Amino acid sequence: MTNATFYHAGCPVCLSAEQELLNLVDTAKVNVEIVHLGEQPTWIPKAENAGVKSVPALVLANGNVLHINHGATMAEVKG
């Protein structure tokens, strides 16, 4: 099974992207970990180290980062 991490900040853009993503992904093949950075701020450094520049973003197992729409920059997430 492949793993991916979806980072978001809980804004309407992020929540919509999360739902659309989960509707598209075959969860029998891909385990998508959802990380709400507003509720889990300790994950912010891990997201940044993975290359996340804004949220919502999906980090794939191969290290590619897919920035989906634009909800907030990482600076805005840090508040």
Protein backbone atom coordinates (compact mmCIF):
# COMPACT_ATOMS: atom_id res chain seq x y z
CA MET A 1 0.00 0.00 0.00
CA THR A 2 1.22 3.49 -0.86
CA ASN A 3 1.15 6.27 1.72
CA ALA A 4 0.43 9.95 1.22
CA THR A 5 -0.09 12.84 3.62
CA PHE A 6 -2.69 15.55 3.04
CA TYR A 7 -1.92 18.74 4.95
CA HIS A 8 -4.52 21.43 5.50
CA ALA A 9 -5.45 24.26 7.85
CA GLY A 10 -9.17 23.72 8.19
CA CYS A 11 -10.28 26.57 5.93
CA PRO A 12 -13.20 26.04 3.51
CA VAL A 13 -10.80 25.62 0.55
CA CYS A 14 -8.87 22.96 2.46
CA LEU A 15 -11.92 21.08 3.64
CA SER A 16 -13.38 21.03 0.13
CA ALA A 17 -10.08 19.76 -1.29
CA GLU A 18 -9.93 17.07 1.39
CA GLN A 19 -13.39 15.77 0.48
CA GLU A 20 -12.66 15.83 -3.25
CA LEU A 21 -9.37 14.03 -2.73
CA LEU A 22 -10.89 11.32 -0.56
CA ASN A 23 -13.64 10.80 -3.16
CA LEU A 24 -11.01 10.26 -5.87
CA VAL A 25 -8.45 8.08 -4.10
CA ASP A 26 -8.73 4.32 -4.02
CA THR A 27 -8.20 3.78 -0.28
CA ALA A 28 -7.50 0.09 -0.93
CA LYS A 29 -4.30 1.20 -2.69
CA VAL A 30 -3.41 4.49 -0.99
CA ASN A 31 -3.39 5.25 2.71
CA VAL A 32 -4.00 9.00 3.02
CA GLU A 33 -3.09 10.50 6.38
CA ILE A 34 -5.00 13.72 7.00
CA VAL A 35 -3.13 16.35 9.03
CA HIS A 36 -4.99 19.47 10.17
CA LEU A 37 -2.10 21.83 10.92
CA GLY A 38 -4.34 24.15 12.95
CA GLU A 39 -5.10 21.30 15.34
CA GLN A 40 -1.71 19.58 15.00
CA PRO A 41 0.85 22.43 14.84
CA THR A 42 3.71 20.10 15.81
CA TRP A 43 3.45 18.74 12.24
CA ILE A 44 4.31 22.13 10.67
CA PRO A 45 8.10 21.49 10.58
CA LYS A 46 7.54 18.05 9.01
CA ALA A 47 5.29 19.60 6.35
CA GLU A 48 7.82 22.33 5.60
CA ASN A 49 10.69 19.80 5.45
CA ALA A 50 8.63 17.80 2.95
CA GLY A 51 8.38 20.89 0.73
CA VAL A 52 4.90 22.13 1.58
CA LYS A 53 4.72 25.86 0.77
CA SER A 54 0.96 26.32 1.12
CA VAL A 55 -2.08 24.31 2.07
CA PRO A 56 -3.94 22.31 1.03
CA ALA A 57 -1.12 20.08 -0.14
CA LEU A 58 -0.67 16.39 -0.74
CA VAL A 59 2.77 14.84 -0.13
CA LEU A 60 3.21 11.61 -2.06
CA ALA A 61 5.32 8.63 -1.00
CA ASN A 62 7.94 9.50 -3.64
CA GLY A 63 8.39 12.97 -2.10
CA ASN A 64 6.46 14.93 -4.70
CA VAL A 65 4.30 17.70 -3.25
CA LEU A 66 1.03 18.56 -4.95
CA HIS A 67 -0.17 22.01 -3.94
CA ILE A 68 -3.93 21.99 -4.43
CA ASN A 69 -5.65 25.33 -4.91
CA HIS A 70 -4.40 27.98 -2.52
CA GLY A 71 -5.88 28.23 0.94
CA ALA A 72 -3.02 29.60 3.08
CA THR A 73 0.74 29.96 3.02
CA MET A 74 2.77 28.21 5.69
CA ALA A 75 3.48 31.63 7.24
CA GLU A 76 -0.26 32.16 7.58
CA VAL A 77 -0.68 28.69 9.06
CA LYS A 78 1.96 29.49 11.69
CA GLY A 79 -0.06 32.58 12.53
